[in-house]
Amino acid sequence: MNNSILAVSLLVAAVSHGVGAFSTTRPSFAVAPARTTGYFGASSTESVFALNAGGFEWEDPVEAADPHVENPYLNKELGTDAEGLKADPARLLAPRLQGTNIYFIGMMGSGKSAVGDVVARRMGSYNFLDTDEIIEKATSMSIPSIFEAEGEEGFRSIEAQVLDSVHAYVRCVISTGGGAVCRLSNWSKFQTGIVIWLDVDPDTLISRMQGTDRPLLQTENPLETLETLLEERTSRYSQADIQLKITPEMDANAVAEMVIKELHFFIDENPPAWKQAKAKAQAEGLDWVQ
């Protein structure tokens, strides 16, 4: 298939096959691009309080931007109703993320799709997207067929276009291809969300993929190929916000549970920029900060 034709059809098909069914309205408190200031910013249009601060009005975004949901792993009573039933920590994760996307990265066979689907279902308000699935629907071709027709470089170009389209949406859990991290341009999309690396050793990976038709493993020694690919990609995978070491006995539900817990603590450690600024002002004794 000609890449120039594919490039046009891909973006249209990607929207019609699921991505476009989701809301395209970005929240006013979109993800902050600078990691050092936290992931969650707030628009002044969402501010509630106007306070006199040194001759100018300071608008406090706290009511609109802060969902008042704490880390349920630190507050055991959080989410408990009158009958003593507790909310799923995943349901409490969604409001804390404020629309921020979650990207799963890792080697083929690491469980990105299975785990991502479980996490999204448990969160309730998030949608799950698998970039490989979108590519197959958009091209009406299987991944092996695309590799055969276009080569790995052609496939990576298609994959990059899908990521470019998908990252414009919010409230998504996104499973990416194992080699998506190899293109630096893709990281500009990953960094608009929270990136999770499912780190699985090659022996476990190969045991999961016996008889696979994955194009990159059609070699004389698939295990050695996996080891080489992992070695080449580790420096990229290690740039993830959260790294989870997956052991052979862990199923998708166990990994999803770990993902949800780690996300709650990650949010605690990366508060919104406005919340950091407010805490600093309060610490400095500025009495106009309520």
Protein backbone atom coordinates (compact mmCIF):
# COMPACT_ATOMS: atom_id res chain seq x y z
CA MET A 1 0.00 0.00 0.00
CA ASN A 2 1.32 3.40 -0.93
CA ASN A 3 2.29 5.32 2.22
CA SER A 4 1.01 8.64 0.93
CA ILE A 5 -2.45 7.16 0.36
CA LEU A 6 -2.30 5.31 3.63
CA ALA A 7 -1.43 8.45 5.54
CA VAL A 8 -4.68 10.08 4.47
CA SER A 9 -6.93 7.05 4.95
CA LEU A 10 -5.38 6.21 8.27
CA LEU A 11 -6.37 9.36 10.08
CA VAL A 12 -9.92 9.16 8.81
CA ALA A 13 -10.28 5.47 9.62
CA ALA A 14 -8.69 5.82 13.06
CA VAL A 15 -11.41 8.27 14.03
CA SER A 16 -14.25 6.22 12.57
CA HIS A 17 -13.07 3.01 14.25
CA GLY A 18 -13.42 4.06 17.84
CA VAL A 19 -11.20 7.01 18.63
CA GLY A 20 -13.65 9.50 17.19
CA ALA A 21 -16.43 8.07 19.30
CA PHE A 22 -14.86 9.61 22.36
CA SER A 23 -15.29 13.17 23.48
CA THR A 24 -12.96 15.60 21.75
CA THR A 25 -13.47 18.28 24.36
CA ARG A 26 -10.32 18.82 26.35
CA PRO A 27 -10.74 19.70 30.03
CA SER A 28 -9.80 23.25 30.96
CA PHE A 29 -7.21 21.83 33.32
CA ALA A 30 -5.18 20.10 30.61
CA VAL A 31 -1.95 18.24 31.20
CA ALA A 32 1.03 20.46 31.96
CA PRO A 33 3.92 19.73 29.58
CA ALA A 34 6.66 20.46 32.11
CA ARG A 35 7.32 17.44 34.32
CA THR A 36 8.94 19.49 37.06
CA THR A 37 5.74 21.38 37.73
CA GLY A 38 3.39 18.42 37.86
CA TYR A 39 1.00 16.98 35.31
CA PHE A 40 -2.19 18.80 36.10
CA GLY A 41 -2.56 22.53 35.42
CA ALA A 42 -5.66 24.70 35.77
CA SER A 43 -7.19 27.35 33.53
CA SER A 44 -8.08 30.69 35.07
CA THR A 45 -11.53 30.33 33.51
CA GLU A 46 -12.20 27.59 36.06
CA SER A 47 -11.18 29.72 39.03
CA VAL A 48 -13.61 30.33 41.83
CA PHE A 49 -12.25 32.80 44.38
CA ALA A 50 -10.98 36.27 43.57
CA LEU A 51 -8.74 37.52 46.37
CA ASN A 52 -6.94 40.80 46.74
CA ALA A 53 -3.24 40.00 46.67
CA GLY A 54 -0.83 42.89 46.69
CA GLY A 55 -2.99 45.10 44.52
CA PHE A 56 -4.09 42.51 42.00
CA GLU A 57 -6.75 39.85 41.92
CA TRP A 58 -5.57 36.32 42.46
CA GLU A 59 -7.97 33.66 41.31
CA ASP A 60 -7.85 30.43 43.29
CA PRO A 61 -8.54 27.42 41.04
CA VAL A 62 -8.88 24.99 43.92
CA GLU A 63 -12.61 24.28 43.72
CA ALA A 64 -12.68 23.56 40.01
CA ALA A 65 -9.33 21.83 39.60
CA ASP A 66 -9.13 19.83 42.83
CA PRO A 67 -11.60 16.92 42.91
CA HIS A 68 -10.98 16.51 46.68
CA VAL A 69 -10.15 12.85 46.21
CA GLU A 70 -7.25 11.50 48.22
CA ASN A 71 -5.05 8.46 47.84
CA PRO A 72 -7.22 5.55 49.04
CA TYR A 73 -4.11 3.55 49.92
CA LEU A 74 -3.23 6.19 52.51
CA ASN A 75 -6.78 6.89 53.71
CA LYS A 76 -8.48 3.57 54.37
CA GLU A 77 -11.83 5.23 55.07
CA LEU A 78 -11.94 7.02 51.73
CA GLY A 79 -14.91 5.99 49.64
CA THR A 80 -16.67 4.09 52.42
CA ASP A 81 -20.46 4.41 52.24
CA ALA A 82 -23.10 4.05 54.96
CA GLU A 83 -23.03 0.26 54.66
CA GLY A 84 -19.27 0.09 55.01
CA LEU A 85 -18.63 -0.75 51.35
CA LYS A 86 -15.56 0.82 49.84
CA ALA A 87 -15.12 2.20 46.35
CA ASP A 88 -12.71 0.58 43.92
CA PRO A 89 -9.42 2.54 44.08
CA ALA A 90 -9.55 2.61 40.28
CA ARG A 91 -12.80 4.59 40.36
CA LEU A 92 -11.14 7.09 42.68
CA LEU A 93 -8.19 7.32 40.31
CA ALA A 94 -10.17 8.80 37.42
CA PRO A 95 -11.05 12.13 39.10
CA ARG A 96 -7.49 12.51 40.36
CA LEU A 97 -6.10 12.15 36.83
CA GLN A 98 -8.37 14.94 35.54
CA GLY A 99 -8.43 13.58 32.00
CA THR A 100 -4.72 12.78 31.74
CA ASN A 101 -4.03 9.85 29.44
CA ILE A 102 -2.18 6.72 30.52
CA TYR A 103 0.31 5.16 28.09
CA PHE A 104 1.55 1.60 28.46
CA ILE A 105 4.92 0.81 26.93
CA GLY A 106 7.01 -2.35 26.98
CA MET A 107 8.09 -5.32 24.93
CA MET A 108 5.72 -7.38 22.82
CA GLY A 109 3.99 -9.93 25.03
CA SER A 110 4.38 -7.84 28.18
CA GLY A 111 0.61 -7.62 28.62
CA LYS A 112 0.05 -3.98 27.74
CA SER A 113 -3.28 -4.61 26.01
CA ALA A 114 -4.67 -7.03 28.60
CA VAL A 115 -3.64 -4.88 31.56
CA GLY A 116 -4.70 -1.62 29.90
CA ASP A 117 -8.15 -3.01 29.21
CA VAL A 118 -8.59 -4.11 32.84
CA VAL A 119 -7.44 -0.73 34.16
CA ALA A 120 -9.78 1.21 31.86
CA ARG A 121 -12.76 -1.01 32.72
CA ARG A 122 -12.16 -0.60 36.43
CA MET A 123 -11.79 3.17 36.13
CA GLY A 124 -15.17 3.37 34.42
CA SER A 125 -14.86 6.80 32.83
CA TYR A 126 -11.72 6.02 30.78
CA ASN A 127 -11.63 4.37 27.33
CA PHE A 128 -9.11 1.76 26.29
CA LEU A 129 -7.25 2.09 22.98
CA ASP A 130 -4.82 -0.37 21.44
CA THR A 131 -2.71 1.30 18.76
CA ASP A 132 -2.05 -2.00 16.99
CA GLU A 133 -5.78 -2.65 16.78
CA ILE A 134 -6.40 0.84 15.44
CA ILE A 135 -3.70 0.32 12.80
CA GLU A 136 -5.26 -2.95 11.66
CA LYS A 137 -8.72 -1.43 11.42
CA ALA A 138 -7.44 1.67 9.66
CA THR A 139 -5.45 -0.25 7.06
CA SER A 140 -7.64 -3.38 6.81
CA MET A 141 -4.39 -5.30 7.14
CA SER A 142 -2.87 -7.45 9.86
CA ILE A 143 0.34 -6.30 11.54
CA PRO A 144 2.38 -9.10 9.89
CA SER A 145 0.95 -8.11 6.49
CA ILE A 146 1.92 -4.48 7.03
CA PHE A 147 5.47 -5.53 7.96
CA GLU A 148 5.64 -7.65 4.82
CA ALA A 149 4.33 -4.90 2.54
CA GLU A 150 5.91 -1.82 4.11
CA GLY A 151 8.76 -3.14 6.26
CA GLU A 152 9.34 -2.20 9.88
CA GLU A 153 10.08 1.43 9.02
CA GLY A 154 6.80 1.72 7.13
CA PHE A 155 4.93 0.23 10.07
CA ARG A 156 6.59 2.65 12.51
CA SER A 157 5.51 5.57 10.34
CA ILE A 158 1.90 4.37 10.46
CA GLU A 159 2.20 3.84 14.20
CA ALA A 160 3.49 7.40 14.65
CA GLN A 161 0.49 8.77 12.75
CA VAL A 162 -1.88 6.84 14.99
CA LEU A 163 -0.18 8.17 18.13
CA ASP A 164 -0.36 11.68 16.70
CA SER A 165 -4.12 11.27 16.30
CA VAL A 166 -4.83 9.43 19.54
CA HIS A 167 -2.92 11.74 21.86
CA ALA A 168 -5.33 14.59 21.06
CA TYR A 169 -8.01 12.79 23.09
CA VAL A 170 -8.33 12.65 26.85
CA ARG A 171 -9.51 10.08 29.40
CA CYS A 172 -7.82 7.23 27.55
CA VAL A 173 -5.73 4.24 28.56
CA ILE A 174 -3.48 3.54 25.57
CA SER A 175 -1.52 0.41 24.76
CA THR A 176 1.36 1.09 22.38
CA GLY A 177 3.53 -1.11 20.19
CA GLY A 178 6.75 -2.46 21.67
CA GLY A 179 8.91 -0.42 19.32
CA ALA A 180 6.97 2.84 19.54
CA VAL A 181 9.51 4.18 22.04
CA CYS A 182 12.25 4.02 19.42
CA ARG A 183 11.02 7.12 17.60
CA LEU A 184 11.89 10.23 19.58
CA SER A 185 8.97 12.11 18.00
CA ASN A 186 6.56 9.70 19.71
CA TRP A 187 7.77 10.84 23.11
CA SER A 188 6.26 14.26 22.53
CA LYS A 189 2.91 12.43 22.61
CA PHE A 190 3.77 10.13 25.50
CA GLN A 191 4.83 13.07 27.63
CA THR A 192 1.37 14.61 27.49
CA GLY A 193 0.28 11.73 29.72
CA ILE A 194 1.65 9.30 32.28
CA VAL A 195 3.87 6.56 30.87
CA ILE A 196 4.00 3.08 32.46
CA TRP A 197 6.60 0.49 31.52
CA LEU A 198 5.58 -3.14 32.02
CA ASP A 199 9.02 -4.66 32.46
CA VAL A 200 9.01 -8.40 31.72
CA ASP A 201 12.11 -10.58 31.31
CA PRO A 202 12.71 -12.27 27.92
CA ASP A 203 12.23 -15.82 29.24
CA THR A 204 8.73 -14.95 30.44
CA LEU A 205 7.98 -13.13 27.20
CA ILE A 206 9.00 -16.04 24.99
CA SER A 207 6.94 -18.48 27.08
CA ARG A 208 3.89 -16.30 26.45
CA MET A 209 4.46 -16.14 22.71
CA GLN A 210 5.10 -19.72 21.67
CA GLY A 211 4.14 -20.16 18.01
CA THR A 212 3.71 -16.41 17.56
CA ASP A 213 3.43 -14.80 14.14
CA ARG A 214 4.97 -11.54 15.36
CA PRO A 215 7.15 -10.29 12.50
CA LEU A 216 10.24 -9.43 14.52
CA LEU A 217 10.37 -12.91 16.05
CA GLN A 218 10.48 -14.82 12.77
CA THR A 219 14.14 -15.66 13.35
CA GLU A 220 16.18 -18.78 14.06
CA ASN A 221 16.46 -17.85 17.74
CA PRO A 222 13.44 -15.81 18.92
CA LEU A 223 14.68 -15.65 22.53
CA GLU A 224 17.99 -14.18 21.45
CA THR A 225 16.09 -11.71 19.26
CA LEU A 226 13.96 -10.65 22.22
CA GLU A 227 17.05 -10.19 24.39
CA THR A 228 18.67 -8.02 21.73
CA LEU A 229 15.55 -5.90 21.22
CA LEU A 230 15.14 -5.39 24.96
CA GLU A 231 18.77 -4.36 25.31
CA GLU A 232 18.36 -1.84 22.47
CA ARG A 233 15.14 -0.39 23.89
CA THR A 234 15.83 -0.38 27.63
CA SER A 235 17.24 3.15 27.64
CA ARG A 236 13.97 4.35 26.09
CA TYR A 237 11.69 2.24 28.27
CA SER A 238 13.47 3.51 31.38
CA GLN A 239 12.25 7.04 30.62
CA ALA A 240 8.77 5.98 31.73
CA ASP A 241 7.21 7.72 34.71
CA ILE A 242 6.42 4.39 36.36
CA GLN A 243 8.35 1.14 35.91
CA LEU A 244 6.70 -2.09 37.06
CA LYS A 245 8.64 -5.34 37.23
CA ILE A 246 6.28 -8.12 36.18
CA THR A 247 6.87 -11.67 37.41
CA PRO A 248 5.65 -14.87 35.68
CA GLU A 249 2.92 -15.63 38.22
CA MET A 250 1.22 -12.26 37.86
CA ASP A 251 -1.92 -12.22 35.69
CA ALA A 252 -3.54 -9.16 34.10
CA ASN A 253 -5.68 -8.45 37.17
CA ALA A 254 -2.69 -8.56 39.53
CA VAL A 255 -0.69 -6.23 37.31
CA ALA A 256 -3.67 -3.87 36.94
CA GLU A 257 -3.97 -3.69 40.72
CA MET A 258 -0.31 -2.71 40.97
CA VAL A 259 -0.73 -0.14 38.20
CA ILE A 260 -3.65 1.53 39.97
CA LYS A 261 -1.80 1.71 43.26
CA GLU A 262 1.36 3.12 41.70
CA LEU A 263 -0.65 5.75 39.81
CA HIS A 264 -2.21 7.01 43.04
CA PHE A 265 1.22 7.44 44.63
CA PHE A 266 2.61 8.99 41.44
CA ILE A 267 -0.11 11.66 41.55
CA ASP A 268 0.76 12.36 45.20
CA GLU A 269 4.39 12.86 44.24
CA ASN A 270 3.57 15.09 41.24
CA PRO A 271 0.94 17.57 42.44
CA PRO A 272 -0.56 20.31 40.24
CA ALA A 273 1.66 23.33 39.69
CA TRP A 274 -0.90 25.69 41.24
CA LYS A 275 -1.09 23.54 44.37
CA GLN A 276 2.69 23.64 44.76
CA ALA A 277 2.68 27.42 44.37
CA LYS A 278 -0.10 27.83 46.92
CA ALA A 279 1.64 25.61 49.46
CA LYS A 280 4.85 27.61 48.98
CA ALA A 281 2.99 30.89 49.51
CA GLN A 282 1.34 29.57 52.66
CA ALA A 283 4.70 28.35 53.97
CA GLU A 284 6.06 31.88 53.46
CA GLY A 285 3.27 33.29 55.61
CA LEU A 286 1.27 35.11 52.94
CA ASP A 287 -2.00 35.56 54.85
CA TRP A 288 -4.05 36.27 51.72
CA VAL A 289 -3.66 32.62 50.66
CA GLN A 290 -6.61 30.81 52.15
